[in-house]
C-alpha atoms as a PDB file:
ATOM      1  CA  MET A   1      -0.156   0.068   0.013  1.00  0.00           C
ATOM      2  CA  SER A   2       1.368   3.131  -0.690  1.00  0.00           C
ATOM      3  CA  TYR A   3       1.389   6.246   1.562  1.00  0.00           C
ATOM      4  CA  SER A   4       1.083  10.040  -0.223  1.00  0.00           C
ATOM      5  CA  ARG A   5       2.236  13.116   1.588  1.00  0.00           C
ATOM      6  CA  THR A   6      -1.525  14.482   1.855  1.00  0.00           C
ATOM      7  CA  ASN A   7      -3.313  11.446   2.751  1.00  0.00           C
ATOM      8  CA  LEU A   8      -0.016  11.478   5.950  1.00  0.00           C
ATOM      9  CA  ASN A   9      -0.504  14.573   6.869  1.00  0.00           C
ATOM     10  CA  GLN A  10      -4.519  14.882   6.921  1.00  0.00           C
ATOM     11  CA  GLN A  11      -4.201  11.190   9.525  1.00  0.00           C
ATOM     12  CA  PHE A  12      -1.746  13.513  11.660  1.00  0.00           C
ATOM     13  CA  ALA A  13      -4.443  16.581  11.457  1.00  0.00           C
ATOM     14  CA  THR A  14      -6.871  14.393  12.614  1.00  0.00           C
ATOM     15  CA  ILE A  15      -4.783  13.156  15.975  1.00  0.00           C
ATOM     16  CA  VAL A  16      -3.472  16.265  16.296  1.00  0.00           C
ATOM     17  CA  LYS A  17      -7.456  17.435  16.507  1.00  0.00           C
ATOM     18  CA  ASN A  18      -8.986  14.709  18.829  1.00  0.00           C
ATOM     19  CA  GLU A  19      -6.189  14.979  20.615  1.00  0.00           C
ATOM     20  CA  ILE A  20      -5.904  18.826  21.524  1.00  0.00           C
ATOM     21  CA  ASP A  21      -9.492  17.779  22.552  1.00  0.00           C
ATOM     22  CA  ASN A  22      -8.347  15.495  25.063  1.00  0.00           C
ATOM     23  CA  PHE A  23      -6.126  17.891  25.951  1.00  0.00           C
ATOM     24  CA  ILE A  24      -8.942  20.130  26.957  1.00  0.00           C
ATOM     25  CA  ALA A  25     -11.059  17.982  28.745  1.00  0.00           C
ATOM     26  CA  ASN A  26      -8.253  16.742  30.755  1.00  0.00           C
ATOM     27  CA  GLY A  27      -7.267  20.421  31.736  1.00  0.00           C
ATOM     28  CA  LEU A  28      -3.604  21.285  30.144  1.00  0.00           C
ATOM     29  CA  LEU A  29      -5.053  23.714  28.110  1.00  0.00           C
ATOM     30  CA  ASP A  30      -8.729  26.235  28.844  1.00  0.00           C
ATOM     31  CA  ASN A  31      -9.980  26.163  25.124  1.00  0.00           C
ATOM     32  CA  ALA A  32      -8.667  26.313  21.490  1.00  0.00           C
ATOM     33  CA  THR A  33     -10.181  29.372  20.323  1.00  0.00           C
ATOM     34  CA  MET A  34      -8.847  28.386  16.907  1.00  0.00           C
ATOM     35  CA  SER A  35      -9.301  24.648  15.286  1.00  0.00           C
ATOM     36  CA  LEU A  36      -6.455  23.403  13.021  1.00  0.00           C
ATOM     37  CA  ASP A  37      -8.835  24.096   9.820  1.00  0.00           C
ATOM     38  CA  ASP A  38      -9.328  27.587  10.728  1.00  0.00           C
ATOM     39  CA  PHE A  39      -5.476  28.078  11.714  1.00  0.00           C
ATOM     40  CA  GLY A  40      -4.925  27.160   7.948  1.00  0.00           C
ATOM     41  CA  ALA A  41      -7.257  29.334   6.127  1.00  0.00           C
ATOM     42  CA  ALA A  42      -6.732  32.183   8.296  1.00  0.00           C
ATOM     43  CA  LEU A  43      -3.073  31.946   7.641  1.00  0.00           C
ATOM     44  CA  ALA A  44      -4.290  31.584   3.426  1.00  0.00           C
ATOM     45  CA  ASN A  45      -5.406  34.495   4.042  1.00  0.00           C
ATOM     46  CA  ASN A  46      -2.341  36.753   5.795  1.00  0.00           C
ATOM     47  CA  SER A  47       0.757  37.177   4.937  1.00  0.00           C
ATOM     48  CA  HIS A  48       1.614  37.117   9.099  1.00  0.00           C
ATOM     49  CA  ALA A  49       0.658  34.525  11.304  1.00  0.00           C
ATOM     50  CA  PRO A  50      -2.469  34.883  13.831  1.00  0.00           C
ATOM     51  CA  SER A  51      -2.350  34.896  17.412  1.00  0.00           C
ATOM     52  CA  SER A  52      -1.992  31.413  19.183  1.00  0.00           C
ATOM     53  CA  PRO A  53      -4.890  29.532  18.800  1.00  0.00           C
ATOM     54  CA  PHE A  54      -4.602  28.296  22.519  1.00  0.00           C
ATOM     55  CA  VAL A  55      -6.463  29.550  26.057  1.00  0.00           C
ATOM     56  CA  PHE A  56      -4.039  28.164  28.406  1.00  0.00           C
ATOM     57  CA  PRO A  57      -5.172  27.662  31.971  1.00  0.00           C
ATOM     58  CA  LYS A  58      -3.591  30.548  33.853  1.00  0.00           C
ATOM     59  CA  ASN A  59      -1.190  30.635  36.966  1.00  0.00           C
ATOM     60  CA  MET A  60      -0.279  27.276  35.753  1.00  0.00           C
ATOM     61  CA  THR A  61       2.669  25.549  37.382  1.00  0.00           C
ATOM     62  CA  LEU A  62       5.206  23.069  35.965  1.00  0.00           C
ATOM     63  CA  GLU A  63       4.643  21.096  39.096  1.00  0.00           C
ATOM     64  CA  LYS A  64       0.517  21.593  38.508  1.00  0.00           C
ATOM     65  CA  TYR A  65       0.994  20.626  34.888  1.00  0.00           C
ATOM     66  CA  ALA A  66       3.352  17.331  35.739  1.00  0.00           C
ATOM     67  CA  GLU A  67       0.767  16.527  38.071  1.00  0.00           C
ATOM     68  CA  LEU A  68      -2.617  16.393  35.104  1.00  0.00           C
ATOM     69  CA  VAL A  69       0.566  14.911  32.579  1.00  0.00           C
ATOM     70  CA  GLN A  70       0.944  12.124  34.963  1.00  0.00           C
ATOM     71  CA  LEU A  71      -3.346  12.042  35.549  1.00  0.00           C
ATOM     72  CA  TYR A  72      -3.791  12.297  31.545  1.00  0.00           C
ATOM     73  CA  ARG A  73      -6.952  10.289  30.742  1.00  0.00           C
ATOM     74  CA  GLY A  74      -5.828   9.469  26.911  1.00  0.00           C
ATOM     75  CA  ASN A  75      -4.124   6.790  25.169  1.00  0.00           C
ATOM     76  CA  LYS A  76      -0.422   7.198  26.088  1.00  0.00           C
ATOM     77  CA  LYS A  77       0.337   4.796  24.195  1.00  0.00           C
ATOM     78  CA  LYS A  78      -1.944   5.975  20.597  1.00  0.00           C
ATOM     79  CA  GLU A  79      -1.075   9.620  21.545  1.00  0.00           C
ATOM     80  CA  TYR A  80       1.550  11.634  19.797  1.00  0.00           C
ATOM     81  CA  LEU A  81       1.398  15.292  21.795  1.00  0.00           C
ATOM     82  CA  ILE A  82       1.118  13.672  25.036  1.00  0.00           C
ATOM     83  CA  ARG A  83       5.275  12.967  24.436  1.00  0.00           C
ATOM     84  CA  GLY A  84       6.286  16.342  23.569  1.00  0.00           C
ATOM     85  CA  LEU A  85       4.966  17.988  26.982  1.00  0.00           C
ATOM     86  CA  TYR A  86       8.866  17.277  27.648  1.00  0.00           C
ATOM     87  CA  ALA A  87       8.676  19.248  31.219  1.00  0.00           C
ATOM     88  CA  PRO A  88       6.390  17.824  32.774  1.00  0.00           C
ATOM     89  CA  LEU A  89       7.239  14.463  31.300  1.00  0.00           C
ATOM     90  CA  LEU A  90      10.457  15.006  32.796  1.00  0.00           C
ATOM     91  CA  LEU A  91       9.968  16.997  36.553  1.00  0.00           C
ATOM     92  CA  PRO A  92       9.564  13.386  38.405  1.00  0.00           C
ATOM     93  CA  TRP A  93      13.219  12.414  37.078  1.00  0.00           C
ATOM     94  CA  VAL A  94      14.563  15.657  37.713  1.00  0.00           C
ATOM     95  CA  LYS A  95      13.191  15.695  41.244  1.00  0.00           C
ATOM     96  CA  ARG A  96      14.745  12.234  41.888  1.00  0.00           C
ATOM     97  CA  PHE A  97      17.916  12.294  39.979  1.00  0.00           C
ATOM     98  CA  ALA A  98      19.139  15.555  39.273  1.00  0.00           C
ATOM     99  CA  LYS A  99      19.778  16.970  42.574  1.00  0.00           C
ATOM    100  CA  ASP A 100      22.537  13.725  43.141  1.00  0.00           C
ATOM    101  CA  ASP A 101      24.165  13.992  39.106  1.00  0.00           C
ATOM    102  CA  ARG A 102      22.348  11.164  38.144  1.00  0.00           C
ATOM    103  CA  LEU A 103      19.882  12.259  35.531  1.00  0.00           C
ATOM    104  CA  MET A 104      21.411  13.731  31.466  1.00  0.00           C
ATOM    105  CA  VAL A 105      18.993  15.107  29.392  1.00  0.00           C
ATOM    106  CA  MET A 106      19.572  15.521  25.544  1.00  0.00           C
ATOM    107  CA  LYS A 107      18.498  16.448  22.624  1.00  0.00           C
ATOM    108  CA  PHE A 108      17.465  14.090  20.118  1.00  0.00           C
ATOM    109  CA  ASN A 109      19.536  15.329  16.681  1.00  0.00           C
ATOM    110  CA  GLU A 110      22.992  15.364  19.233  1.00  0.00           C
ATOM    111  CA  VAL A 111      22.322  11.079  19.737  1.00  0.00           C
ATOM    112  CA  PHE A 112      23.744  11.441  16.148  1.00  0.00           C
ATOM    113  CA  ASN A 113      26.684  12.389  16.897  1.00  0.00           C
ATOM    114  CA  ALA A 114      29.544  10.002  18.057  1.00  0.00           C
ATOM    115  CA  SER A 115      31.350  12.422  20.638  1.00  0.00           C
ATOM    116  CA  ILE A 116      27.822  12.563  22.736  1.00  0.00           C
ATOM    117  CA  VAL A 117      28.120   8.745  22.307  1.00  0.00           C
ATOM    118  CA  ASP A 118      31.612   9.207  24.355  1.00  0.00           C
ATOM    119  CA  GLU A 119      29.704  11.599  26.714  1.00  0.00           C
ATOM    120  CA  VAL A 120      26.867   9.438  27.809  1.00  0.00           C
ATOM    121  CA  LEU A 121      29.350   6.355  28.582  1.00  0.00           C
ATOM    122  CA  ARG A 122      31.661   8.389  30.997  1.00  0.00           C
ATOM    123  CA  PHE A 123      28.582  10.208  32.379  1.00  0.00           C
ATOM    124  CA  ALA A 124      27.681   6.627  32.908  1.00  0.00           C
ATOM    125  CA  GLY A 125      30.951   5.654  34.657  1.00  0.00           C
ATOM    126  CA  VAL A 126      32.218   3.091  31.244  1.00  0.00           C
ATOM    127  CA  GLU A 127      35.701   3.695  31.291  1.00  0.00           C
ATOM    128  CA  ASP A 128      36.081   2.430  27.200  1.00  0.00           C
ATOM    129  CA  THR A 129      34.726   5.048  25.663  1.00  0.00           C
ATOM    130  CA  SER A 130      36.117   4.464  22.189  1.00  0.00           C
ATOM    131  CA  VAL A 131      33.312   3.783  19.814  1.00  0.00           C
ATOM    132  CA  ASP A 132      33.727   6.303  17.130  1.00  0.00           C
ATOM    133  CA  GLU A 133      34.785   3.461  14.534  1.00  0.00           C
ATOM    134  CA  HIS A 134      31.208   1.317  15.527  1.00  0.00           C
ATOM    135  CA  TYR A 135      29.467   4.417  15.651  1.00  0.00           C
ATOM    136  CA  ASP A 136      29.017   5.120  11.647  1.00  0.00           C
ATOM    137  CA  ASP A 137      28.722   1.134  10.941  1.00  0.00           C
ATOM    138  CA  PHE A 138      25.615   1.244  14.140  1.00  0.00           C
ATOM    139  CA  ILE A 139      24.074   4.752  12.571  1.00  0.00           C
ATOM    140  CA  ARG A 140      24.527   2.486   8.623  1.00  0.00           C
ATOM    141  CA  ASN A 141      22.685  -0.462   9.631  1.00  0.00           C
ATOM    142  CA  LYS A 142      22.328  -2.904   6.650  1.00  0.00           C
ATOM    143  CA  LYS A 143      18.194  -2.237   6.751  1.00  0.00           C
ATOM    144  CA  GLY A 144      18.469   1.201   6.828  1.00  0.00           C
ATOM    145  CA  LYS A 145      15.949   1.581   9.384  1.00  0.00           C
ATOM    146  CA  ILE A 146      18.243   4.640  11.292  1.00  0.00           C
ATOM    147  CA  LYS A 147      19.467   7.422   9.412  1.00  0.00           C
ATOM    148  CA  GLY A 148      23.020   8.679   9.235  1.00  0.00           C
ATOM    149  CA  ARG A 149      22.189  12.034  10.459  1.00  0.00           C
ATOM    150  CA  ALA A 150      19.255  13.691  12.047  1.00  0.00           C
ATOM    151  CA  ASN A 151      16.607  16.132   9.776  1.00  0.00           C
ATOM    152  CA  LYS A 152      16.787  19.651  10.728  1.00  0.00           C
ATOM    153  CA  ASN A 153      12.667  19.530   9.649  1.00  0.00           C
ATOM    154  CA  LEU A 154      10.219  18.101  12.009  1.00  0.00           C
ATOM    155  CA  THR A 155       9.432  14.721  10.240  1.00  0.00           C
ATOM    156  CA  VAL A 156       6.231  12.512  10.837  1.00  0.00           C
ATOM    157  CA  ASP A 157       7.294   9.049  10.853  1.00  0.00           C
ATOM    158  CA  TYR A 158       4.636   7.057  13.140  1.00  0.00           C
ATOM    159  CA  HIS A 159       3.101   3.313  13.174  1.00  0.00           C
ATOM    160  CA  ALA A 160       0.233   3.789  11.264  1.00  0.00           C
ATOM    161  CA  ASN A 161       2.929   5.174   8.257  1.00  0.00           C
ATOM    162  CA  LYS A 162       4.783   1.296   7.901  1.00  0.00           C
ATOM    163  CA  GLY A 163       8.450   3.722   8.225  1.00  0.00           C
ATOM    164  CA  VAL A 164       7.719   5.999   5.494  1.00  0.00           C
ATOM    165  CA  GLU A 165       8.971   9.330   6.335  1.00  0.00           C
ATOM    166  CA  MET A 166       7.986  12.466   5.255  1.00  0.00           C
ATOM    167  CA  PRO A 167       8.271  16.445   5.921  1.00  0.00           C
ATOM    168  CA  LEU A 168       5.616  18.229   8.486  1.00  0.00           C
ATOM    169  CA  ASP A 169       2.709  20.400   6.724  1.00  0.00           C
ATOM    170  CA  PRO A 170       3.773  24.137   7.879  1.00  0.00           C
ATOM    171  CA  THR A 171       0.465  24.731   9.091  1.00  0.00           C
ATOM    172  CA  ILE A 172       0.506  22.115  11.687  1.00  0.00           C
ATOM    173  CA  ARG A 173       3.670  22.520  12.450  1.00  0.00           C
ATOM    174  CA  LEU A 174       3.400  26.169  13.425  1.00  0.00           C
ATOM    175  CA  TYR A 175      -0.157  25.055  15.228  1.00  0.00           C
ATOM    176  CA  LEU A 176       1.870  22.546  17.378  1.00  0.00           C
ATOM    177  CA  LYS A 177       4.380  25.281  17.803  1.00  0.00           C
ATOM    178  CA  PHE A 178       1.686  27.261  19.877  1.00  0.00           C
ATOM    179  CA  LEU A 179       0.622  24.431  21.798  1.00  0.00           C
ATOM    180  CA  TYR A 180       4.218  23.653  22.636  1.00  0.00           C
ATOM    181  CA  GLN A 181       5.695  27.142  23.198  1.00  0.00           C
ATOM    182  CA  PRO A 182       4.635  27.460  27.377  1.00  0.00           C
ATOM    183  CA  PHE A 183       6.061  23.224  27.910  1.00  0.00           C
ATOM    184  CA  ASN A 184       9.370  25.363  26.068  1.00  0.00           C
ATOM    185  CA  ARG A 185       9.690  27.951  28.484  1.00  0.00           C
ATOM    186  CA  PHE A 186       8.869  25.059  31.446  1.00  0.00           C
ATOM    187  CA  LEU A 187      12.133  23.265  30.020  1.00  0.00           C
ATOM    188  CA  VAL A 188      13.879  26.107  30.162  1.00  0.00           C
ATOM    189  CA  GLN A 189      13.359  26.560  34.020  1.00  0.00           C
ATOM    190  CA  LEU A 190      13.692  22.759  34.765  1.00  0.00           C
ATOM    191  CA  LEU A 191      17.033  22.290  32.408  1.00  0.00           C
ATOM    192  CA  GLY A 192      18.436  25.648  32.432  1.00  0.00           C
ATOM    193  CA  GLU A 193      19.637  28.201  29.561  1.00  0.00           C
ATOM    194  CA  GLU A 194      20.787  26.683  27.150  1.00  0.00           C
ATOM    195  CA  TRP A 195      17.397  25.080  26.400  1.00  0.00           C
ATOM    196  CA  ASP A 196      16.297  28.650  25.498  1.00  0.00           C
ATOM    197  CA  GLY A 197      14.724  28.675  22.173  1.00  0.00           C
ATOM    198  CA  TRP A 198      14.223  25.180  21.717  1.00  0.00           C
ATOM    199  CA  GLY A 199      11.458  23.696  19.152  1.00  0.00           C
ATOM    200  CA  GLU A 200      11.642  27.392  17.552  1.00  0.00           C
END
């Protein structure tokens, strides 16, 4: 079965709409003042992006968001947007392990760099960290399941597309950028200034 870019983006748009509704039902959002479809239409009619299509609960703390994420009544195994709320998801781990310097958090695109593997091994206390000669072979495995360097474009690669990788529709990407902005600010609060601007 072949998958077209349009069909996959339509499928993902449906996932986004359903999960936004679930975020509202679970208190992670107060409201979405603009649906994804309306947002796309507004973008098509204006040269500039509309203001944020989301209304977030007032005076929410990272701790409260972390509680809501833990109590989230969606299906975490089948949903995708919840996995991008990194700060609320990381908070319990930071509280438990960071004080003893037992937690290392890295950006996904850094994983495709042999020097970061050395850094991870040193952090874990592994003495022989000479992995460079084997790392490129690992990245280019026989079946091509792991691709060389991280793609700079945000991509959709969920189970339903049978491994087809595709660029994410720019309208969906911008819509999600508005959704994740406050959570990315919490990420700076949680992990430090080096995360400032992440997700932009």
